Amino acid sequence: MLPVHLALACLVLAAVPVRAQESVPAGLGGTWLAEDIAGKGVIDDLQTTLEIKPDGSYGGNGGCNTYRGKLKVQNGNIAFAPAAATRKMCAPAVMDQEQKFFDALGTVTSWKLENGILHLTGKDGAPALRLAEMKTGTDIVIRLPGPQQDVARETAIYLCDGDRRIGVEYINAGATALAVLSVGEETVVAVNVLSASGARYTGGRYEWWTKGDEATLRDLTEGDEASGLACRKTG
């Protein structure tokens, strides 16, 4: 059993080298509950969670401490960059599982989704983590009149002024187009509106205007003279 002092303020997770950051793949995002760690199971009634957001950040609860970090995606491979965690101390068995979870997370290079189960594996294909999808938040169902239409979804990450990152999920069904923006801790659902060029979305106090790989996020409460935040798609 590992000593409890291994719960550190900064947990360094090993990461494979990556070059260009890509969008979080569809299906990988969401909140997941660990069902197995390195093929050795988990403690019953102890929830170890992993949340992957559209903007490429990840976090959750290791069982005792909360943590957060950045996910790197390149050529279909994934790596969990170094994470930071709180310093709370718990029972030895809880701390042991938490440390094993962080160790396993640091070995991950690939992923596979099967029937709502997320399989994370290491370089040699050995199982690192098996996680089940957790249904969190609020589901909004919109039923459009007329014949059934295909719904297209696309996720993207934008790097903006000041190294700010914004995750976006575009949802298109016929003439209906939405952009779900992750702006810091805020989630904004914006609808496509008339635009002379590019695609313009508005939701809440924000306006999101895209032209090719470039975009501008404008806070409408700052007035018409505000230039907004310049962003560029990274993957």
C-alpha atoms as a PDB file:
ATOM      1  CA  MET A   1       0.000   0.000   0.000  1.00  0.00           C
ATOM      2  CA  LEU A   2       1.326   3.439  -0.846  1.00  0.00           C
ATOM      3  CA  PRO A   3       1.849   5.931   2.059  1.00  0.00           C
ATOM      4  CA  VAL A   4      -0.667   8.720   2.409  1.00  0.00           C
ATOM      5  CA  HIS A   5       2.003  11.388   1.905  1.00  0.00           C
ATOM      6  CA  LEU A   6       1.894  10.618  -1.824  1.00  0.00           C
ATOM      7  CA  ALA A   7      -1.150  12.917  -2.115  1.00  0.00           C
ATOM      8  CA  LEU A   8       0.704  15.994  -3.380  1.00  0.00           C
ATOM      9  CA  ALA A   9      -0.349  19.533  -4.198  1.00  0.00           C
ATOM     10  CA  CYS A  10       0.859  18.964  -7.733  1.00  0.00           C
ATOM     11  CA  LEU A  11       0.512  15.498  -9.189  1.00  0.00           C
ATOM     12  CA  VAL A  12       2.792  15.038 -12.159  1.00  0.00           C
ATOM     13  CA  LEU A  13       1.316  12.730 -14.751  1.00  0.00           C
ATOM     14  CA  ALA A  14       3.506  11.313 -17.514  1.00  0.00           C
ATOM     15  CA  ALA A  15       2.533  12.447 -21.003  1.00  0.00           C
ATOM     16  CA  VAL A  16       3.570  11.215 -24.423  1.00  0.00           C
ATOM     17  CA  PRO A  17       5.043  13.789 -26.801  1.00  0.00           C
ATOM     18  CA  VAL A  18       2.486  15.504 -29.017  1.00  0.00           C
ATOM     19  CA  ARG A  19       2.874  18.162 -31.677  1.00  0.00           C
ATOM     20  CA  ALA A  20      -0.315  19.905 -32.718  1.00  0.00           C
ATOM     21  CA  GLN A  21      -3.296  20.137 -30.397  1.00  0.00           C
ATOM     22  CA  GLU A  22      -6.507  18.832 -31.961  1.00  0.00           C
ATOM     23  CA  SER A  23     -10.171  19.040 -31.021  1.00  0.00           C
ATOM     24  CA  VAL A  24     -11.502  16.700 -28.354  1.00  0.00           C
ATOM     25  CA  PRO A  25     -12.912  13.733 -30.325  1.00  0.00           C
ATOM     26  CA  ALA A  26     -16.682  13.299 -30.361  1.00  0.00           C
ATOM     27  CA  GLY A  27     -17.711  10.832 -27.668  1.00  0.00           C
ATOM     28  CA  LEU A  28     -14.668  11.399 -25.456  1.00  0.00           C
ATOM     29  CA  GLY A  29     -16.102  14.458 -23.717  1.00  0.00           C
ATOM     30  CA  GLY A  30     -18.345  14.122 -20.691  1.00  0.00           C
ATOM     31  CA  THR A  31     -18.148  12.888 -17.110  1.00  0.00           C
ATOM     32  CA  TRP A  32     -16.923   9.353 -16.424  1.00  0.00           C
ATOM     33  CA  LEU A  33     -16.863   7.104 -13.347  1.00  0.00           C
ATOM     34  CA  ALA A  34     -13.926   4.715 -12.841  1.00  0.00           C
ATOM     35  CA  GLU A  35     -15.019   1.068 -12.791  1.00  0.00           C
ATOM     36  CA  ASP A  36     -11.569  -0.490 -13.063  1.00  0.00           C
ATOM     37  CA  ILE A  37      -7.987   0.722 -12.574  1.00  0.00           C
ATOM     38  CA  ALA A  38      -5.189  -1.227 -14.297  1.00  0.00           C
ATOM     39  CA  GLY A  39      -7.323  -4.373 -14.337  1.00  0.00           C
ATOM     40  CA  LYS A  40      -7.551  -4.535 -10.523  1.00  0.00           C
ATOM     41  CA  GLY A  41     -11.030  -3.141  -9.884  1.00  0.00           C
ATOM     42  CA  VAL A  42     -12.022  -0.289  -7.554  1.00  0.00           C
ATOM     43  CA  ILE A  43     -13.383   0.140  -4.043  1.00  0.00           C
ATOM     44  CA  ASP A  44     -17.157  -0.200  -3.873  1.00  0.00           C
ATOM     45  CA  ASP A  45     -19.005   3.058  -3.073  1.00  0.00           C
ATOM     46  CA  LEU A  46     -15.887   5.191  -3.684  1.00  0.00           C
ATOM     47  CA  GLN A  47     -16.431   7.487  -6.658  1.00  0.00           C
ATOM     48  CA  THR A  48     -13.360   8.356  -8.715  1.00  0.00           C
ATOM     49  CA  THR A  49     -14.427  10.598 -11.586  1.00  0.00           C
ATOM     50  CA  LEU A  50     -12.975  12.066 -14.761  1.00  0.00           C
ATOM     51  CA  GLU A  51     -14.601  14.969 -16.627  1.00  0.00           C
ATOM     52  CA  ILE A  52     -13.335  15.870 -20.111  1.00  0.00           C
ATOM     53  CA  LYS A  53     -14.532  19.212 -21.458  1.00  0.00           C
ATOM     54  CA  PRO A  54     -14.816  20.422 -25.090  1.00  0.00           C
ATOM     55  CA  ASP A  55     -12.104  23.044 -24.484  1.00  0.00           C
ATOM     56  CA  GLY A  56      -9.544  20.290 -23.832  1.00  0.00           C
ATOM     57  CA  SER A  57      -9.415  20.623 -20.049  1.00  0.00           C
ATOM     58  CA  TYR A  58     -10.053  17.729 -17.703  1.00  0.00           C
ATOM     59  CA  GLY A  59     -10.674  17.308 -13.995  1.00  0.00           C
ATOM     60  CA  GLY A  60     -12.737  15.509 -11.414  1.00  0.00           C
ATOM     61  CA  ASN A  61     -12.386  13.819  -8.043  1.00  0.00           C
ATOM     62  CA  GLY A  62      -9.763  11.158  -7.425  1.00  0.00           C
ATOM     63  CA  GLY A  63     -11.775   9.772  -4.513  1.00  0.00           C
ATOM     64  CA  CYS A  64     -10.353  12.183  -1.954  1.00  0.00           C
ATOM     65  CA  ASN A  65      -8.917  15.201  -3.787  1.00  0.00           C
ATOM     66  CA  THR A  66     -10.199  17.241  -6.696  1.00  0.00           C
ATOM     67  CA  TYR A  67      -7.849  17.791  -9.630  1.00  0.00           C
ATOM     68  CA  ARG A  68      -7.609  19.545 -12.993  1.00  0.00           C
ATOM     69  CA  GLY A  69      -5.335  19.590 -16.029  1.00  0.00           C
ATOM     70  CA  LYS A  70      -5.143  19.721 -19.831  1.00  0.00           C
ATOM     71  CA  LEU A  71      -5.791  16.950 -22.340  1.00  0.00           C
ATOM     72  CA  LYS A  72      -3.543  16.708 -25.401  1.00  0.00           C
ATOM     73  CA  VAL A  73      -4.861  15.170 -28.640  1.00  0.00           C
ATOM     74  CA  GLN A  74      -2.774  14.446 -31.735  1.00  0.00           C
ATOM     75  CA  ASN A  75      -3.156  11.953 -34.584  1.00  0.00           C
ATOM     76  CA  GLY A  76      -5.857  10.045 -32.718  1.00  0.00           C
ATOM     77  CA  ASN A  77      -3.677   9.641 -29.609  1.00  0.00           C
ATOM     78  CA  ILE A  78      -4.373  11.306 -26.281  1.00  0.00           C
ATOM     79  CA  ALA A  79      -2.249  12.270 -23.287  1.00  0.00           C
ATOM     80  CA  PHE A  80      -3.178  13.768 -19.927  1.00  0.00           C
ATOM     81  CA  ALA A  81      -0.763  16.624 -19.250  1.00  0.00           C
ATOM     82  CA  PRO A  82       0.475  17.339 -15.694  1.00  0.00           C
ATOM     83  CA  ALA A  83      -2.418  18.012 -13.314  1.00  0.00           C
ATOM     84  CA  ALA A  84      -2.839  19.928 -10.072  1.00  0.00           C
ATOM     85  CA  ALA A  85      -4.734  18.519  -7.088  1.00  0.00           C
ATOM     86  CA  THR A  86      -5.812  19.600  -3.631  1.00  0.00           C
ATOM     87  CA  ARG A  87      -3.979  18.363  -0.510  1.00  0.00           C
ATOM     88  CA  LYS A  88      -6.796  16.772   1.464  1.00  0.00           C
ATOM     89  CA  MET A  89      -5.906  13.594   3.394  1.00  0.00           C
ATOM     90  CA  CYS A  90      -8.252  10.596   3.582  1.00  0.00           C
ATOM     91  CA  ALA A  91      -8.186   6.971   4.757  1.00  0.00           C
ATOM     92  CA  PRO A  92      -5.167   4.950   3.529  1.00  0.00           C
ATOM     93  CA  ALA A  93      -7.263   2.722   1.241  1.00  0.00           C
ATOM     94  CA  VAL A  94      -8.840   5.787  -0.387  1.00  0.00           C
ATOM     95  CA  MET A  95      -5.473   7.468  -0.883  1.00  0.00           C
ATOM     96  CA  ASP A  96      -4.085   4.240  -2.337  1.00  0.00           C
ATOM     97  CA  GLN A  97      -6.819   4.034  -4.972  1.00  0.00           C
ATOM     98  CA  GLU A  98      -6.483   7.731  -5.781  1.00  0.00           C
ATOM     99  CA  GLN A  99      -2.734   7.392  -6.353  1.00  0.00           C
ATOM    100  CA  LYS A 100      -3.267   4.329  -8.561  1.00  0.00           C
ATOM    101  CA  PHE A 101      -5.843   6.282 -10.568  1.00  0.00           C
ATOM    102  CA  PHE A 102      -3.416   9.152 -11.189  1.00  0.00           C
ATOM    103  CA  ASP A 103      -0.629   6.720 -12.055  1.00  0.00           C
ATOM    104  CA  ALA A 104      -2.865   4.943 -14.576  1.00  0.00           C
ATOM    105  CA  LEU A 105      -4.077   8.223 -16.058  1.00  0.00           C
ATOM    106  CA  GLY A 106      -0.474   9.237 -16.693  1.00  0.00           C
ATOM    107  CA  THR A 107       0.149   6.151 -18.869  1.00  0.00           C
ATOM    108  CA  VAL A 108      -2.775   6.706 -21.241  1.00  0.00           C
ATOM    109  CA  THR A 109      -2.079   7.051 -24.970  1.00  0.00           C
ATOM    110  CA  SER A 110      -5.297   5.861 -26.633  1.00  0.00           C
ATOM    111  CA  TRP A 111      -9.009   5.444 -26.042  1.00  0.00           C
ATOM    112  CA  LYS A 112     -11.991   3.397 -27.220  1.00  0.00           C
ATOM    113  CA  LEU A 113     -15.709   3.846 -26.563  1.00  0.00           C
ATOM    114  CA  GLU A 114     -17.984   0.804 -26.399  1.00  0.00           C
ATOM    115  CA  ASN A 115     -21.636   0.930 -25.324  1.00  0.00           C
ATOM    116  CA  GLY A 116     -21.138   3.895 -23.010  1.00  0.00           C
ATOM    117  CA  ILE A 117     -17.910   2.488 -21.537  1.00  0.00           C
ATOM    118  CA  LEU A 118     -14.678   4.421 -22.036  1.00  0.00           C
ATOM    119  CA  HIS A 119     -11.538   2.268 -22.272  1.00  0.00           C
ATOM    120  CA  LEU A 120      -8.214   4.101 -21.776  1.00  0.00           C
ATOM    121  CA  THR A 121      -5.058   2.174 -22.631  1.00  0.00           C
ATOM    122  CA  GLY A 122      -1.308   2.709 -22.403  1.00  0.00           C
ATOM    123  CA  LYS A 123       1.509   2.455 -24.948  1.00  0.00           C
ATOM    124  CA  ASP A 124       1.666  -1.329 -24.840  1.00  0.00           C
ATOM    125  CA  GLY A 125      -2.115  -1.700 -25.135  1.00  0.00           C
ATOM    126  CA  ALA A 126      -2.442  -2.707 -21.483  1.00  0.00           C
ATOM    127  CA  PRO A 127      -5.688  -1.518 -19.866  1.00  0.00           C
ATOM    128  CA  ALA A 128      -5.186   1.620 -17.795  1.00  0.00           C
ATOM    129  CA  LEU A 129      -8.744   2.665 -16.908  1.00  0.00           C
ATOM    130  CA  ARG A 130     -12.291   1.545 -17.628  1.00  0.00           C
ATOM    131  CA  LEU A 131     -14.916   4.210 -16.995  1.00  0.00           C
ATOM    132  CA  ALA A 132     -18.697   4.377 -17.297  1.00  0.00           C
ATOM    133  CA  GLU A 133     -20.500   7.461 -18.550  1.00  0.00           C
ATOM    134  CA  MET A 134     -22.150   9.573 -15.860  1.00  0.00           C
ATOM    135  CA  LYS A 135     -25.258  11.503 -16.806  1.00  0.00           C
ATOM    136  CA  THR A 136     -24.813  14.980 -15.377  1.00  0.00           C
ATOM    137  CA  GLY A 137     -26.206  18.412 -16.087  1.00  0.00           C
ATOM    138  CA  THR A 138     -29.490  19.124 -17.862  1.00  0.00           C
ATOM    139  CA  ASP A 139     -30.655  17.528 -21.109  1.00  0.00           C
ATOM    140  CA  ILE A 140     -32.526  19.808 -23.500  1.00  0.00           C
ATOM    141  CA  VAL A 141     -34.531  18.097 -26.237  1.00  0.00           C
ATOM    142  CA  ILE A 142     -35.695  20.149 -29.211  1.00  0.00           C
ATOM    143  CA  ARG A 143     -38.168  18.520 -31.579  1.00  0.00           C
ATOM    144  CA  LEU A 144     -38.260  20.162 -35.008  1.00  0.00           C
ATOM    145  CA  PRO A 145     -41.454  19.933 -37.096  1.00  0.00           C
ATOM    146  CA  GLY A 146     -41.501  18.233 -40.484  1.00  0.00           C
ATOM    147  CA  PRO A 147     -39.633  15.171 -41.751  1.00  0.00           C
ATOM    148  CA  GLN A 148     -36.785  13.711 -39.730  1.00  0.00           C
ATOM    149  CA  GLN A 149     -33.405  15.329 -40.436  1.00  0.00           C
ATOM    150  CA  ASP A 150     -29.847  14.244 -39.842  1.00  0.00           C
ATOM    151  CA  VAL A 151     -28.116  16.022 -36.965  1.00  0.00           C
ATOM    152  CA  ALA A 152     -24.449  16.873 -37.504  1.00  0.00           C
ATOM    153  CA  ARG A 153     -22.183  17.609 -34.541  1.00  0.00           C
ATOM    154  CA  GLU A 154     -18.643  18.956 -34.574  1.00  0.00           C
ATOM    155  CA  THR A 155     -16.382  19.990 -31.708  1.00  0.00           C
ATOM    156  CA  ALA A 156     -13.535  22.487 -32.000  1.00  0.00           C
ATOM    157  CA  ILE A 157     -11.052  24.282 -29.775  1.00  0.00           C
ATOM    158  CA  TYR A 158     -10.096  27.923 -30.333  1.00  0.00           C
ATOM    159  CA  LEU A 159      -7.047  29.691 -28.939  1.00  0.00           C
ATOM    160  CA  CYS A 160      -7.862  33.334 -28.231  1.00  0.00           C
ATOM    161  CA  ASP A 161      -6.029  36.477 -27.159  1.00  0.00           C
ATOM    162  CA  GLY A 162      -4.266  36.110 -23.824  1.00  0.00           C
ATOM    163  CA  ASP A 163      -3.884  32.312 -24.304  1.00  0.00           C
ATOM    164  CA  ARG A 164      -7.556  31.881 -23.496  1.00  0.00           C
ATOM    165  CA  ARG A 165      -9.126  28.686 -24.818  1.00  0.00           C
ATOM    166  CA  ILE A 166     -12.757  28.297 -25.869  1.00  0.00           C
ATOM    167  CA  GLY A 167     -14.387  24.976 -26.676  1.00  0.00           C
ATOM    168  CA  VAL A 168     -17.292  24.907 -29.126  1.00  0.00           C
ATOM    169  CA  GLU A 169     -19.722  22.206 -30.222  1.00  0.00           C
ATOM    170  CA  TYR A 170     -21.576  23.008 -33.443  1.00  0.00           C
ATOM    171  CA  ILE A 171     -24.962  21.318 -33.863  1.00  0.00           C
ATOM    172  CA  ASN A 172     -26.678  21.510 -37.261  1.00  0.00           C
ATOM    173  CA  ALA A 173     -30.037  20.076 -38.322  1.00  0.00           C
ATOM    174  CA  GLY A 174     -31.257  21.483 -41.609  1.00  0.00           C
ATOM    175  CA  ALA A 175     -31.787  25.213 -41.253  1.00  0.00           C
ATOM    176  CA  THR A 176     -31.279  25.038 -37.471  1.00  0.00           C
ATOM    177  CA  ALA A 177     -27.729  25.746 -36.323  1.00  0.00           C
ATOM    178  CA  LEU A 178     -26.473  26.049 -32.750  1.00  0.00           C
ATOM    179  CA  ALA A 179     -23.086  26.666 -31.139  1.00  0.00           C
ATOM    180  CA  VAL A 180     -22.546  25.480 -27.554  1.00  0.00           C
ATOM    181  CA  LEU A 181     -19.672  27.553 -26.148  1.00  0.00           C
ATOM    182  CA  SER A 182     -17.515  26.725 -23.119  1.00  0.00           C
ATOM    183  CA  VAL A 183     -16.445  30.182 -21.915  1.00  0.00           C
ATOM    184  CA  GLY A 184     -14.478  29.630 -18.717  1.00  0.00           C
ATOM    185  CA  GLU A 185     -16.855  27.898 -16.303  1.00  0.00           C
ATOM    186  CA  GLU A 186     -19.890  29.110 -18.262  1.00  0.00           C
ATOM    187  CA  THR A 187     -21.772  27.125 -20.924  1.00  0.00           C
ATOM    188  CA  VAL A 188     -23.591  29.232 -23.511  1.00  0.00           C
ATOM    189  CA  VAL A 189     -26.062  27.938 -26.103  1.00  0.00           C
ATOM    190  CA  ALA A 190     -26.006  30.341 -29.067  1.00  0.00           C
ATOM    191  CA  VAL A 191     -28.242  30.271 -32.151  1.00  0.00           C
ATOM    192  CA  ASN A 192     -27.223  31.158 -35.687  1.00  0.00           C
ATOM    193  CA  VAL A 193     -28.514  34.556 -36.863  1.00  0.00           C
ATOM    194  CA  LEU A 194     -28.391  36.527 -40.115  1.00  0.00           C
ATOM    195  CA  SER A 195     -24.870  37.477 -41.163  1.00  0.00           C
ATOM    196  CA  ALA A 196     -23.421  39.217 -44.217  1.00  0.00           C
ATOM    197  CA  SER A 197     -20.417  36.871 -44.113  1.00  0.00           C
ATOM    198  CA  GLY A 198     -19.258  33.919 -42.069  1.00  0.00           C
ATOM    199  CA  ALA A 199     -21.484  32.410 -39.383  1.00  0.00           C
ATOM    200  CA  ARG A 200     -22.774  34.492 -36.485  1.00  0.00           C
ATOM    201  CA  TYR A 201     -24.310  33.087 -33.305  1.00  0.00           C
ATOM    202  CA  THR A 202     -25.826  34.874 -30.320  1.00  0.00           C
ATOM    203  CA  GLY A 203     -26.677  33.525 -26.888  1.00  0.00           C
ATOM    204  CA  GLY A 204     -27.032  35.200 -23.519  1.00  0.00           C
ATOM    205  CA  ARG A 205     -24.681  38.175 -23.449  1.00  0.00           C
ATOM    206  CA  TYR A 206     -22.308  36.750 -26.084  1.00  0.00           C
ATOM    207  CA  GLU A 207     -21.909  36.993 -29.846  1.00  0.00           C
ATOM    208  CA  TRP A 208     -19.765  34.335 -31.582  1.00  0.00           C
ATOM    209  CA  TRP A 209     -18.784  35.160 -35.181  1.00  0.00           C
ATOM    210  CA  THR A 210     -16.732  32.704 -37.260  1.00  0.00           C
ATOM    211  CA  LYS A 211     -15.047  33.138 -40.640  1.00  0.00           C
ATOM    212  CA  GLY A 212     -13.049  30.129 -41.733  1.00  0.00           C
ATOM    213  CA  ASP A 213     -10.667  29.161 -38.924  1.00  0.00           C
ATOM    214  CA  GLU A 214     -10.951  32.562 -37.267  1.00  0.00           C
ATOM    215  CA  ALA A 215     -13.599  33.698 -34.790  1.00  0.00           C
ATOM    216  CA  THR A 216     -14.492  36.623 -32.555  1.00  0.00           C
ATOM    217  CA  LEU A 217     -16.163  36.409 -29.164  1.00  0.00           C
ATOM    218  CA  ARG A 218     -17.872  39.640 -28.147  1.00  0.00           C
ATOM    219  CA  ASP A 219     -19.522  40.448 -24.822  1.00  0.00           C
ATOM    220  CA  LEU A 220     -22.607  42.442 -25.805  1.00  0.00           C
ATOM    221  CA  THR A 221     -22.750  44.099 -22.384  1.00  0.00           C
ATOM    222  CA  GLU A 222     -19.517  45.949 -23.215  1.00  0.00           C
ATOM    223  CA  GLY A 223     -21.252  48.021 -25.888  1.00  0.00           C
ATOM    224  CA  ASP A 224     -21.070  48.300 -29.674  1.00  0.00           C
ATOM    225  CA  GLU A 225     -17.557  49.764 -29.606  1.00  0.00           C
ATOM    226  CA  ALA A 226     -16.010  46.678 -27.993  1.00  0.00           C
ATOM    227  CA  SER A 227     -13.752  44.837 -30.453  1.00  0.00           C
ATOM    228  CA  GLY A 228     -14.160  41.448 -28.795  1.00  0.00           C
ATOM    229  CA  LEU A 229     -11.747  38.563 -28.314  1.00  0.00           C
ATOM    230  CA  ALA A 230      -9.895  37.355 -31.425  1.00  0.00           C
ATOM    231  CA  CYS A 231      -9.671  33.559 -31.668  1.00  0.00           C
ATOM    232  CA  ARG A 232      -8.259  30.974 -34.059  1.00  0.00           C
ATOM    233  CA  LYS A 233      -9.217  27.319 -34.458  1.00  0.00           C
ATOM    234  CA  THR A 234      -6.437  24.991 -33.331  1.00  0.00           C
ATOM    235  CA  GLY A 235      -7.762  21.692 -34.595  1.00  0.00           C
END
